[in-house]
Amino acid sequence: MEFHRGRLIDHVHLRVADVAASKRFYRAVLRNKCTPGSCSSPH
């Protein structure tokens, strides 16, 4: 794997046991971190 300084990570894949609980958790966390136009809408 190569290291590229200044590159953007735009996708992360996570495996979880409880998809519904994970969606609730990440939506709650990202709700407070995103500003209009800076985050994609939740799937």
C-alpha atoms as a PDB file:
ATOM      1  CA  MET A   1       0.000   0.000   0.000  1.00  0.00           C
ATOM      2  CA  GLU A   2       1.359   3.405  -0.954  1.00  0.00           C
ATOM      3  CA  PHE A   3       1.115   6.496   1.215  1.00  0.00           C
ATOM      4  CA  HIS A   4      -0.089   9.621  -0.583  1.00  0.00           C
ATOM      5  CA  ARG A   5       0.131  12.855   1.397  1.00  0.00           C
ATOM      6  CA  GLY A   6      -2.885  15.125   1.012  1.00  0.00           C
ATOM      7  CA  ARG A   7      -5.257  12.502  -0.399  1.00  0.00           C
ATOM      8  CA  LEU A   8      -8.890  12.365   0.677  1.00  0.00           C
ATOM      9  CA  ILE A   9     -10.520   9.220   2.061  1.00  0.00           C
ATOM     10  CA  ASP A  10     -14.029   9.180   0.625  1.00  0.00           C
ATOM     11  CA  HIS A  11     -15.155   5.622   1.407  1.00  0.00           C
ATOM     12  CA  VAL A  12     -14.789   3.379   4.441  1.00  0.00           C
ATOM     13  CA  HIS A  13     -16.229  -0.122   4.700  1.00  0.00           C
ATOM     14  CA  LEU A  14     -17.196  -1.393   8.153  1.00  0.00           C
ATOM     15  CA  ARG A  15     -18.585  -4.815   8.998  1.00  0.00           C
ATOM     16  CA  VAL A  16     -21.073  -4.810  11.853  1.00  0.00           C
ATOM     17  CA  ALA A  17     -23.273  -7.367  13.589  1.00  0.00           C
ATOM     18  CA  ASP A  18     -26.298  -5.067  13.989  1.00  0.00           C
ATOM     19  CA  VAL A  19     -26.817  -2.820  10.949  1.00  0.00           C
ATOM     20  CA  ALA A  20     -29.786  -0.924  12.409  1.00  0.00           C
ATOM     21  CA  ALA A  21     -27.926  -0.088  15.630  1.00  0.00           C
ATOM     22  CA  SER A  22     -24.853   0.972  13.655  1.00  0.00           C
ATOM     23  CA  LYS A  23     -26.917   3.305  11.446  1.00  0.00           C
ATOM     24  CA  ARG A  24     -28.498   4.906  14.523  1.00  0.00           C
ATOM     25  CA  PHE A  25     -25.087   5.390  16.121  1.00  0.00           C
ATOM     26  CA  TYR A  26     -23.340   6.896  13.099  1.00  0.00           C
ATOM     27  CA  ARG A  27     -26.282   9.116  12.191  1.00  0.00           C
ATOM     28  CA  ALA A  28     -26.316  10.478  15.751  1.00  0.00           C
ATOM     29  CA  VAL A  29     -22.554  11.109  15.667  1.00  0.00           C
ATOM     30  CA  LEU A  30     -22.529  12.675  12.196  1.00  0.00           C
ATOM     31  CA  ARG A  31     -25.610  14.798  12.869  1.00  0.00           C
ATOM     32  CA  ASN A  32     -23.448  16.908  15.185  1.00  0.00           C
ATOM     33  CA  LYS A  33     -20.349  16.957  12.956  1.00  0.00           C
ATOM     34  CA  CYS A  34     -21.773  17.890   9.549  1.00  0.00           C
ATOM     35  CA  THR A  35     -22.733  21.297   8.296  1.00  0.00           C
ATOM     36  CA  PRO A  36     -24.983  21.878   5.276  1.00  0.00           C
ATOM     37  CA  GLY A  37     -23.028  20.988   2.155  1.00  0.00           C
ATOM     38  CA  SER A  38     -20.162  19.252   3.945  1.00  0.00           C
ATOM     39  CA  CYS A  39     -21.619  15.746   4.342  1.00  0.00           C
ATOM     40  CA  SER A  40     -23.630  13.428   2.161  1.00  0.00           C
ATOM     41  CA  SER A  41     -27.162  12.582   3.167  1.00  0.00           C
ATOM     42  CA  PRO A  42     -27.460   9.304   5.160  1.00  0.00           C
ATOM     43  CA  HIS A  43     -28.382   6.207   3.143  1.00  0.00           C
END
